[in-house]
N, C-alpha and C. Protein backbone atom coordinates (compact mmCIF):
# COMPACT_ATOMS: atom_id res chain seq x y z
N MET A 1 87.82 161.53 113.78
CA MET A 1 86.45 161.14 113.56
C MET A 1 86.36 160.05 112.49
N ALA A 2 87.03 160.22 111.39
CA ALA A 2 87.01 159.19 110.35
C ALA A 2 87.60 157.89 110.87
N GLN A 3 88.64 157.98 111.71
CA GLN A 3 89.27 156.79 112.30
C GLN A 3 88.27 156.02 113.15
N ASP A 4 87.48 156.74 113.98
CA ASP A 4 86.47 156.09 114.82
C ASP A 4 85.42 155.37 113.98
N THR A 5 84.98 155.99 112.91
CA THR A 5 83.99 155.39 112.02
C THR A 5 84.55 154.13 111.38
N LEU A 6 85.79 154.21 110.93
CA LEU A 6 86.43 153.05 110.29
C LEU A 6 86.54 151.89 111.29
N GLN A 7 86.95 152.19 112.51
CA GLN A 7 87.06 151.13 113.52
C GLN A 7 85.71 150.51 113.82
N LYS A 8 84.66 151.31 113.90
CA LYS A 8 83.31 150.79 114.15
C LYS A 8 82.85 149.92 113.00
N GLU A 9 83.12 150.35 111.74
CA GLU A 9 82.73 149.55 110.59
C GLU A 9 83.50 148.23 110.56
N SER A 10 84.78 148.28 110.88
CA SER A 10 85.58 147.05 110.90
C SER A 10 85.09 146.11 111.97
N ALA A 11 84.77 146.64 113.14
CA ALA A 11 84.27 145.80 114.22
C ALA A 11 82.91 145.21 113.85
N ALA A 12 82.09 145.97 113.15
CA ALA A 12 80.78 145.47 112.74
C ALA A 12 80.92 144.35 111.71
N GLU A 13 81.95 144.40 110.89
CA GLU A 13 82.16 143.37 109.88
C GLU A 13 82.72 142.08 110.47
N LEU A 14 83.32 142.16 111.64
CA LEU A 14 83.92 140.99 112.27
C LEU A 14 82.79 140.07 112.75
N ARG A 15 82.70 138.88 112.12
CA ARG A 15 81.62 137.97 112.45
C ARG A 15 82.12 136.67 113.04
N TYR A 16 83.41 136.49 113.07
CA TYR A 16 83.99 135.24 113.54
C TYR A 16 85.02 135.52 114.62
N SER A 17 85.10 134.60 115.56
CA SER A 17 86.20 134.67 116.51
C SER A 17 87.46 134.25 115.77
N LEU A 18 88.59 134.49 116.35
CA LEU A 18 89.84 134.09 115.72
C LEU A 18 89.88 132.58 115.51
N ASN A 19 89.45 131.81 116.49
CA ASN A 19 89.43 130.35 116.34
C ASN A 19 88.48 129.92 115.23
N GLU A 20 87.33 130.55 115.15
CA GLU A 20 86.39 130.23 114.07
C GLU A 20 86.99 130.56 112.71
N ALA A 21 87.68 131.68 112.63
CA ALA A 21 88.32 132.06 111.36
C ALA A 21 89.42 131.07 110.99
N GLU A 22 90.21 130.66 111.97
CA GLU A 22 91.26 129.67 111.70
C GLU A 22 90.65 128.37 111.17
N ARG A 23 89.58 127.91 111.79
CA ARG A 23 88.91 126.68 111.35
C ARG A 23 88.32 126.86 109.94
N TYR A 24 87.73 128.02 109.71
CA TYR A 24 87.17 128.30 108.39
C TYR A 24 88.25 128.22 107.32
N PHE A 25 89.36 128.89 107.55
CA PHE A 25 90.44 128.89 106.56
C PHE A 25 91.05 127.50 106.41
N ALA A 26 91.21 126.77 107.51
CA ALA A 26 91.76 125.42 107.44
C ALA A 26 90.89 124.54 106.55
N ALA A 27 89.60 124.55 106.78
CA ALA A 27 88.68 123.70 106.01
C ALA A 27 88.55 124.17 104.56
N THR A 28 88.45 125.47 104.36
CA THR A 28 88.30 126.02 103.01
C THR A 28 89.53 125.71 102.16
N LEU A 29 90.70 125.88 102.73
CA LEU A 29 91.93 125.60 101.99
C LEU A 29 92.08 124.10 101.73
N ASN A 30 91.67 123.28 102.69
CA ASN A 30 91.69 121.84 102.48
C ASN A 30 90.81 121.48 101.29
N ASN A 31 89.62 122.04 101.24
CA ASN A 31 88.71 121.77 100.12
C ASN A 31 89.28 122.26 98.80
N LYS A 32 89.99 123.38 98.83
CA LYS A 32 90.63 123.91 97.62
C LYS A 32 91.66 122.90 97.09
N VAL A 33 92.41 122.29 97.99
CA VAL A 33 93.39 121.28 97.58
C VAL A 33 92.67 120.14 96.87
N TRP A 34 91.59 119.65 97.44
CA TRP A 34 90.86 118.53 96.84
C TRP A 34 90.27 118.92 95.49
N ASP A 35 89.80 120.15 95.37
CA ASP A 35 89.29 120.62 94.07
C ASP A 35 90.41 120.61 93.03
N LEU A 36 91.59 121.06 93.42
CA LEU A 36 92.72 121.08 92.49
C LEU A 36 93.20 119.67 92.16
N LEU A 37 93.21 118.79 93.14
CA LEU A 37 93.60 117.41 92.88
C LEU A 37 92.66 116.75 91.86
N ALA A 38 91.40 117.13 91.89
CA ALA A 38 90.41 116.54 91.00
C ALA A 38 90.49 117.07 89.56
N LYS A 39 91.15 118.20 89.39
CA LYS A 39 91.24 118.77 88.04
C LYS A 39 92.08 117.88 87.13
N THR A 40 91.56 117.60 85.97
CA THR A 40 92.30 116.76 85.02
C THR A 40 93.24 117.59 84.15
N ASP A 41 93.03 118.88 84.11
CA ASP A 41 93.87 119.75 83.28
C ASP A 41 94.59 120.81 84.11
N ARG A 42 95.14 120.37 85.25
CA ARG A 42 95.84 121.31 86.13
C ARG A 42 97.01 121.94 85.40
N THR A 43 97.18 123.22 85.65
CA THR A 43 98.31 123.95 85.10
C THR A 43 99.44 123.98 86.12
N ARG A 44 100.58 124.47 85.72
CA ARG A 44 101.70 124.65 86.64
C ARG A 44 101.29 125.58 87.78
N GLU A 45 100.52 126.60 87.45
CA GLU A 45 100.04 127.54 88.48
C GLU A 45 99.08 126.84 89.45
N ASP A 46 98.23 125.96 88.92
CA ASP A 46 97.34 125.17 89.79
C ASP A 46 98.15 124.31 90.75
N ASP A 47 99.20 123.67 90.22
CA ASP A 47 100.05 122.82 91.06
C ASP A 47 100.69 123.64 92.17
N GLU A 48 101.19 124.82 91.84
CA GLU A 48 101.78 125.70 92.86
C GLU A 48 100.73 126.11 93.90
N MET A 49 99.54 126.47 93.42
CA MET A 49 98.47 126.87 94.33
C MET A 49 98.08 125.71 95.24
N MET A 50 98.08 124.50 94.70
CA MET A 50 97.74 123.31 95.49
C MET A 50 98.75 123.11 96.62
N ILE A 51 100.02 123.29 96.33
CA ILE A 51 101.06 123.18 97.36
C ILE A 51 100.85 124.23 98.43
N HIS A 52 100.64 125.47 98.01
CA HIS A 52 100.45 126.56 98.98
C HIS A 52 99.19 126.35 99.82
N ALA A 53 98.12 125.92 99.18
CA ALA A 53 96.87 125.70 99.91
C ALA A 53 97.01 124.57 100.92
N ALA A 54 97.73 123.51 100.57
CA ALA A 54 97.94 122.40 101.52
C ALA A 54 98.73 122.87 102.74
N HIS A 55 99.79 123.64 102.49
CA HIS A 55 100.57 124.16 103.62
C HIS A 55 99.77 125.15 104.45
N ALA A 56 99.00 126.01 103.79
CA ALA A 56 98.21 127.00 104.52
C ALA A 56 97.12 126.32 105.35
N SER A 57 96.47 125.31 104.79
CA SER A 57 95.47 124.56 105.54
C SER A 57 96.12 123.94 106.78
N PHE A 58 97.28 123.33 106.58
CA PHE A 58 97.99 122.73 107.70
C PHE A 58 98.27 123.78 108.78
N TYR A 59 98.76 124.93 108.37
CA TYR A 59 99.08 125.98 109.34
C TYR A 59 97.86 126.29 110.20
N HIS A 60 96.73 126.53 109.55
CA HIS A 60 95.53 126.90 110.32
C HIS A 60 95.08 125.76 111.24
N TRP A 61 95.16 124.50 110.76
CA TRP A 61 94.81 123.38 111.63
C TRP A 61 95.79 123.27 112.79
N SER A 62 97.06 123.57 112.54
CA SER A 62 98.04 123.46 113.62
C SER A 62 97.79 124.48 114.73
N VAL A 63 97.13 125.57 114.41
CA VAL A 63 96.81 126.60 115.39
C VAL A 63 95.61 126.20 116.24
N VAL A 64 94.57 125.64 115.62
CA VAL A 64 93.33 125.38 116.35
C VAL A 64 92.91 123.92 116.41
N GLY A 65 93.59 123.07 115.67
CA GLY A 65 93.17 121.68 115.61
C GLY A 65 93.73 120.83 116.73
N LYS A 66 93.38 119.59 116.66
CA LYS A 66 93.89 118.57 117.58
C LYS A 66 94.99 117.80 116.86
N PRO A 67 95.69 116.92 117.56
CA PRO A 67 96.74 116.13 116.89
C PRO A 67 96.24 115.39 115.64
N VAL A 68 95.01 114.93 115.65
CA VAL A 68 94.48 114.24 114.47
C VAL A 68 94.45 115.18 113.27
N ASN A 69 94.14 116.46 113.49
CA ASN A 69 94.14 117.43 112.39
C ASN A 69 95.55 117.67 111.88
N VAL A 70 96.51 117.67 112.79
CA VAL A 70 97.91 117.85 112.40
C VAL A 70 98.36 116.66 111.55
N ALA A 71 98.06 115.45 112.01
CA ALA A 71 98.42 114.25 111.24
C ALA A 71 97.79 114.29 109.86
N ARG A 72 96.52 114.62 109.79
CA ARG A 72 95.82 114.67 108.50
C ARG A 72 96.39 115.78 107.62
N GLY A 73 96.79 116.88 108.22
CA GLY A 73 97.41 117.95 107.45
C GLY A 73 98.74 117.53 106.86
N PHE A 74 99.55 116.85 107.66
CA PHE A 74 100.81 116.32 107.13
C PHE A 74 100.54 115.33 106.00
N TRP A 75 99.51 114.48 106.16
CA TRP A 75 99.18 113.52 105.11
C TRP A 75 98.82 114.26 103.82
N LEU A 76 97.99 115.30 103.91
CA LEU A 76 97.56 116.02 102.71
C LEU A 76 98.74 116.67 102.01
N ILE A 77 99.64 117.26 102.76
CA ILE A 77 100.83 117.87 102.15
C ILE A 77 101.64 116.79 101.44
N SER A 78 101.86 115.67 102.10
CA SER A 78 102.61 114.57 101.48
C SER A 78 101.91 114.09 100.22
N HIS A 79 100.60 113.96 100.29
CA HIS A 79 99.84 113.47 99.14
C HIS A 79 100.01 114.41 97.94
N VAL A 80 99.92 115.69 98.17
CA VAL A 80 100.10 116.67 97.09
C VAL A 80 101.48 116.51 96.46
N TYR A 81 102.50 116.43 97.30
CA TYR A 81 103.85 116.28 96.76
C TYR A 81 104.03 114.95 96.03
N ALA A 82 103.41 113.89 96.53
CA ALA A 82 103.52 112.59 95.85
C ALA A 82 102.83 112.65 94.48
N VAL A 83 101.65 113.26 94.43
CA VAL A 83 100.94 113.40 93.16
C VAL A 83 101.79 114.19 92.16
N LEU A 84 102.50 115.19 92.66
CA LEU A 84 103.35 116.02 91.80
C LEU A 84 104.73 115.41 91.59
N LYS A 85 104.95 114.24 92.18
CA LYS A 85 106.20 113.49 92.10
C LYS A 85 107.40 114.33 92.58
N GLN A 86 107.16 115.06 93.64
CA GLN A 86 108.22 115.79 94.33
C GLN A 86 108.58 114.94 95.56
N VAL A 87 109.51 114.04 95.32
CA VAL A 87 109.78 112.91 96.21
C VAL A 87 110.24 113.31 97.61
N ASP A 88 111.23 114.15 97.72
CA ASP A 88 111.77 114.47 99.05
C ASP A 88 110.71 115.04 99.99
N PRO A 89 109.96 116.07 99.57
CA PRO A 89 108.94 116.55 100.50
C PRO A 89 107.80 115.54 100.71
N ALA A 90 107.50 114.73 99.70
CA ALA A 90 106.46 113.71 99.88
C ALA A 90 106.84 112.75 100.99
N ILE A 91 108.07 112.28 100.97
CA ILE A 91 108.53 111.35 102.01
C ILE A 91 108.63 112.06 103.35
N HIS A 92 109.15 113.27 103.35
CA HIS A 92 109.30 114.02 104.61
C HIS A 92 107.94 114.17 105.31
N TYR A 93 106.93 114.65 104.59
CA TYR A 93 105.64 114.89 105.23
C TYR A 93 104.89 113.61 105.53
N ALA A 94 105.11 112.56 104.74
CA ALA A 94 104.52 111.25 105.08
C ALA A 94 105.11 110.75 106.40
N ASN A 95 106.41 110.92 106.57
CA ASN A 95 107.05 110.54 107.84
C ASN A 95 106.52 111.36 109.00
N ARG A 96 106.29 112.66 108.79
CA ARG A 96 105.75 113.51 109.85
C ARG A 96 104.34 113.04 110.23
N CYS A 97 103.55 112.68 109.21
CA CYS A 97 102.20 112.16 109.47
C CYS A 97 102.28 110.89 110.31
N LEU A 98 103.13 109.97 109.90
CA LEU A 98 103.25 108.70 110.63
C LEU A 98 103.77 108.95 112.04
N ASP A 99 104.72 109.86 112.21
CA ASP A 99 105.24 110.18 113.54
C ASP A 99 104.13 110.66 114.48
N VAL A 100 103.32 111.61 114.01
CA VAL A 100 102.23 112.14 114.84
C VAL A 100 101.20 111.05 115.10
N THR A 101 100.87 110.29 114.07
CA THR A 101 99.88 109.22 114.21
C THR A 101 100.32 108.22 115.29
N GLN A 102 101.58 107.83 115.26
CA GLN A 102 102.08 106.87 116.25
C GLN A 102 102.22 107.52 117.63
N ALA A 103 102.74 108.73 117.69
CA ALA A 103 102.92 109.41 118.98
C ALA A 103 101.59 109.64 119.69
N GLU A 104 100.55 109.90 118.92
CA GLU A 104 99.23 110.17 119.50
C GLU A 104 98.35 108.93 119.57
N ALA A 105 98.92 107.78 119.19
CA ALA A 105 98.19 106.50 119.20
C ALA A 105 96.88 106.58 118.40
N LEU A 106 96.96 107.26 117.26
CA LEU A 106 95.80 107.32 116.37
C LEU A 106 95.69 105.97 115.67
N ILE A 107 94.49 105.49 115.54
CA ILE A 107 94.28 104.17 114.94
C ILE A 107 93.25 104.26 113.84
N ASP A 108 92.85 103.10 113.32
CA ASP A 108 91.73 102.98 112.41
C ASP A 108 92.01 103.78 111.14
N PHE A 109 91.12 104.66 110.79
CA PHE A 109 91.16 105.49 109.59
C PHE A 109 92.49 106.23 109.46
N ASP A 110 92.92 106.86 110.54
CA ASP A 110 94.13 107.69 110.50
C ASP A 110 95.40 106.86 110.35
N LEU A 111 95.46 105.70 110.96
CA LEU A 111 96.62 104.84 110.81
C LEU A 111 96.71 104.32 109.37
N ALA A 112 95.57 103.95 108.80
CA ALA A 112 95.55 103.48 107.41
C ALA A 112 96.06 104.58 106.47
N TYR A 113 95.62 105.80 106.68
CA TYR A 113 96.08 106.92 105.84
C TYR A 113 97.56 107.21 106.05
N ALA A 114 98.03 107.10 107.27
CA ALA A 114 99.46 107.34 107.52
C ALA A 114 100.31 106.34 106.74
N TYR A 115 99.92 105.08 106.77
CA TYR A 115 100.65 104.07 106.00
C TYR A 115 100.50 104.30 104.50
N GLU A 116 99.30 104.68 104.07
CA GLU A 116 99.07 104.96 102.65
C GLU A 116 99.97 106.10 102.18
N GLY A 117 100.11 107.13 103.01
CA GLY A 117 100.98 108.25 102.66
C GLY A 117 102.42 107.81 102.46
N MET A 118 102.88 106.92 103.33
CA MET A 118 104.24 106.40 103.19
C MET A 118 104.36 105.58 101.90
N ALA A 119 103.39 104.71 101.65
CA ALA A 119 103.43 103.87 100.45
C ALA A 119 103.44 104.72 99.19
N ARG A 120 102.58 105.73 99.14
CA ARG A 120 102.49 106.55 97.94
C ARG A 120 103.75 107.40 97.75
N ALA A 121 104.31 107.89 98.83
CA ALA A 121 105.55 108.67 98.72
C ALA A 121 106.68 107.80 98.18
N TYR A 122 106.78 106.58 98.68
CA TYR A 122 107.81 105.67 98.17
C TYR A 122 107.52 105.20 96.76
N ALA A 123 106.25 105.14 96.39
CA ALA A 123 105.91 104.83 94.99
C ALA A 123 106.41 105.95 94.08
N ALA A 124 106.18 107.19 94.51
CA ALA A 124 106.66 108.34 93.73
C ALA A 124 108.18 108.32 93.60
N ALA A 125 108.84 107.81 94.64
CA ALA A 125 110.31 107.73 94.64
C ALA A 125 110.82 106.56 93.81
N GLY A 126 109.94 105.65 93.46
CA GLY A 126 110.36 104.46 92.72
C GLY A 126 111.02 103.42 93.60
N ASN A 127 110.79 103.51 94.92
CA ASN A 127 111.38 102.57 95.87
C ASN A 127 110.39 101.42 96.10
N LYS A 128 110.51 100.39 95.29
CA LYS A 128 109.55 99.28 95.30
C LYS A 128 109.50 98.56 96.65
N ALA A 129 110.65 98.29 97.24
CA ALA A 129 110.68 97.55 98.51
C ALA A 129 109.94 98.31 99.61
N LYS A 130 110.24 99.59 99.77
CA LYS A 130 109.59 100.39 100.81
C LYS A 130 108.10 100.57 100.49
N CYS A 131 107.79 100.79 99.22
CA CYS A 131 106.39 100.93 98.81
C CYS A 131 105.62 99.67 99.18
N GLU A 132 106.14 98.50 98.84
CA GLU A 132 105.46 97.24 99.14
C GLU A 132 105.30 97.03 100.65
N GLU A 133 106.34 97.39 101.41
CA GLU A 133 106.27 97.27 102.87
C GLU A 133 105.09 98.08 103.41
N TYR A 134 104.96 99.32 102.95
CA TYR A 134 103.89 100.17 103.44
C TYR A 134 102.53 99.84 102.81
N LEU A 135 102.53 99.31 101.60
CA LEU A 135 101.26 98.86 101.01
C LEU A 135 100.64 97.75 101.85
N LYS A 136 101.46 96.83 102.33
CA LYS A 136 100.96 95.73 103.19
C LYS A 136 100.37 96.30 104.47
N LEU A 137 101.10 97.22 105.10
CA LEU A 137 100.60 97.84 106.32
C LEU A 137 99.31 98.62 106.05
N THR A 138 99.27 99.28 104.90
CA THR A 138 98.08 100.06 104.51
C THR A 138 96.88 99.14 104.37
N GLN A 139 97.05 98.05 103.66
CA GLN A 139 95.94 97.12 103.45
C GLN A 139 95.46 96.51 104.76
N ASP A 140 96.40 96.15 105.62
CA ASP A 140 96.03 95.59 106.93
C ASP A 140 95.24 96.61 107.76
N ALA A 141 95.76 97.83 107.84
CA ALA A 141 95.09 98.87 108.63
C ALA A 141 93.77 99.26 107.99
N GLY A 142 93.73 99.36 106.66
CA GLY A 142 92.50 99.72 105.97
C GLY A 142 91.39 98.71 106.19
N GLY A 143 91.76 97.44 106.27
CA GLY A 143 90.77 96.38 106.51
C GLY A 143 90.20 96.42 107.91
N LYS A 144 90.84 97.13 108.82
CA LYS A 144 90.38 97.22 110.21
C LYS A 144 89.57 98.48 110.50
N ILE A 145 89.34 99.31 109.49
CA ILE A 145 88.54 100.52 109.71
C ILE A 145 87.11 100.08 110.01
N LYS A 146 86.62 100.45 111.18
CA LYS A 146 85.33 99.95 111.66
C LYS A 146 84.13 100.58 110.95
N ASN A 147 84.15 101.88 110.78
CA ASN A 147 83.02 102.59 110.19
C ASN A 147 83.01 102.38 108.68
N LYS A 148 81.88 101.90 108.15
CA LYS A 148 81.77 101.57 106.72
C LYS A 148 82.01 102.80 105.84
N GLU A 149 81.44 103.94 106.21
CA GLU A 149 81.64 105.16 105.41
C GLU A 149 83.12 105.53 105.37
N ASP A 150 83.78 105.50 106.52
CA ASP A 150 85.21 105.80 106.57
C ASP A 150 86.00 104.79 105.73
N ARG A 151 85.63 103.52 105.84
CA ARG A 151 86.30 102.47 105.08
C ARG A 151 86.13 102.70 103.58
N ASP A 152 84.93 103.11 103.17
CA ASP A 152 84.67 103.38 101.76
C ASP A 152 85.46 104.58 101.26
N VAL A 153 85.54 105.65 102.05
CA VAL A 153 86.32 106.83 101.68
C VAL A 153 87.78 106.44 101.53
N PHE A 154 88.29 105.71 102.51
CA PHE A 154 89.68 105.27 102.45
C PHE A 154 89.93 104.41 101.23
N SER A 155 89.05 103.45 101.00
CA SER A 155 89.22 102.53 99.87
C SER A 155 89.25 103.28 98.55
N SER A 156 88.39 104.27 98.40
CA SER A 156 88.35 105.08 97.18
C SER A 156 89.66 105.84 96.99
N ASP A 157 90.15 106.47 98.06
CA ASP A 157 91.41 107.21 97.97
C ASP A 157 92.58 106.27 97.70
N PHE A 158 92.56 105.11 98.33
CA PHE A 158 93.64 104.14 98.17
C PHE A 158 93.71 103.63 96.73
N LYS A 159 92.55 103.41 96.12
CA LYS A 159 92.50 102.92 94.74
C LYS A 159 92.94 103.98 93.73
N ALA A 160 92.74 105.24 94.08
CA ALA A 160 93.05 106.33 93.14
C ALA A 160 94.56 106.46 92.95
N GLY A 161 94.92 106.89 91.79
CA GLY A 161 96.34 107.10 91.47
C GLY A 161 96.82 108.44 91.95
N PRO A 162 98.02 108.73 91.69
CA PRO A 162 98.96 107.89 90.95
C PRO A 162 99.73 106.95 91.89
N TRP A 163 100.03 105.78 91.37
CA TRP A 163 100.87 104.82 92.08
C TRP A 163 102.15 104.51 91.31
N TYR A 164 102.34 105.16 90.21
CA TYR A 164 103.59 105.07 89.45
C TYR A 164 104.01 103.62 89.15
N GLY A 165 103.02 102.80 88.86
CA GLY A 165 103.30 101.41 88.50
C GLY A 165 103.69 100.52 89.67
N MET A 166 103.54 100.98 90.87
CA MET A 166 103.96 100.23 92.05
C MET A 166 102.84 99.39 92.67
N LYS A 167 101.63 99.62 92.28
CA LYS A 167 100.50 98.92 92.92
C LYS A 167 99.75 98.12 91.89
C-alpha cells in the first residue's frame, strides 16, 4: 500500500517529458557555465564546477539537440578549458566543434564561433601562428554574420578575454 502511494506521488510530481527534462538541464547547465565565466572571483571549486557543467550541458544537448547544439556544446567546453588555460582539452574540443560545424555545413554565427574556438585554444597554447591563422578566419566569418543581434553577440564574445597576449 505504501509503495502504491509513493508511485502515485512520484507520478504526480512528474511534470516534464524526458525530452523536456533533457532540454531543461541542457539549457540550465549552459547558463550555469556562463554565470561562472562571468564571476571575477572564481574559486578552484567554481572552475571545477564550470568544467562539469559544460560537459553535463553538452551531454544533455547530445541526447535531444540537433547538430548545431552539439557544435555549440563542443565550443562551450573548449571555451571553458581555454579560459582555464587547460590547453590539450581546449584544442581537442575546439577541433570537435569545427569538425561538426564543417560536417554539418553550419555557416554564419556557428562557423565564426568554431573558428574563434580554435583561435582561443591556440592562444591559450601560446601558438601564435595557429592563433593568427584562426583569428583571420574568425574575423572573416564574423563579418559575414547576417543577423545584427547575432553579430553583436559574437563581436562581444570575440572581444572578451582571455587572449593571452595573442590578439
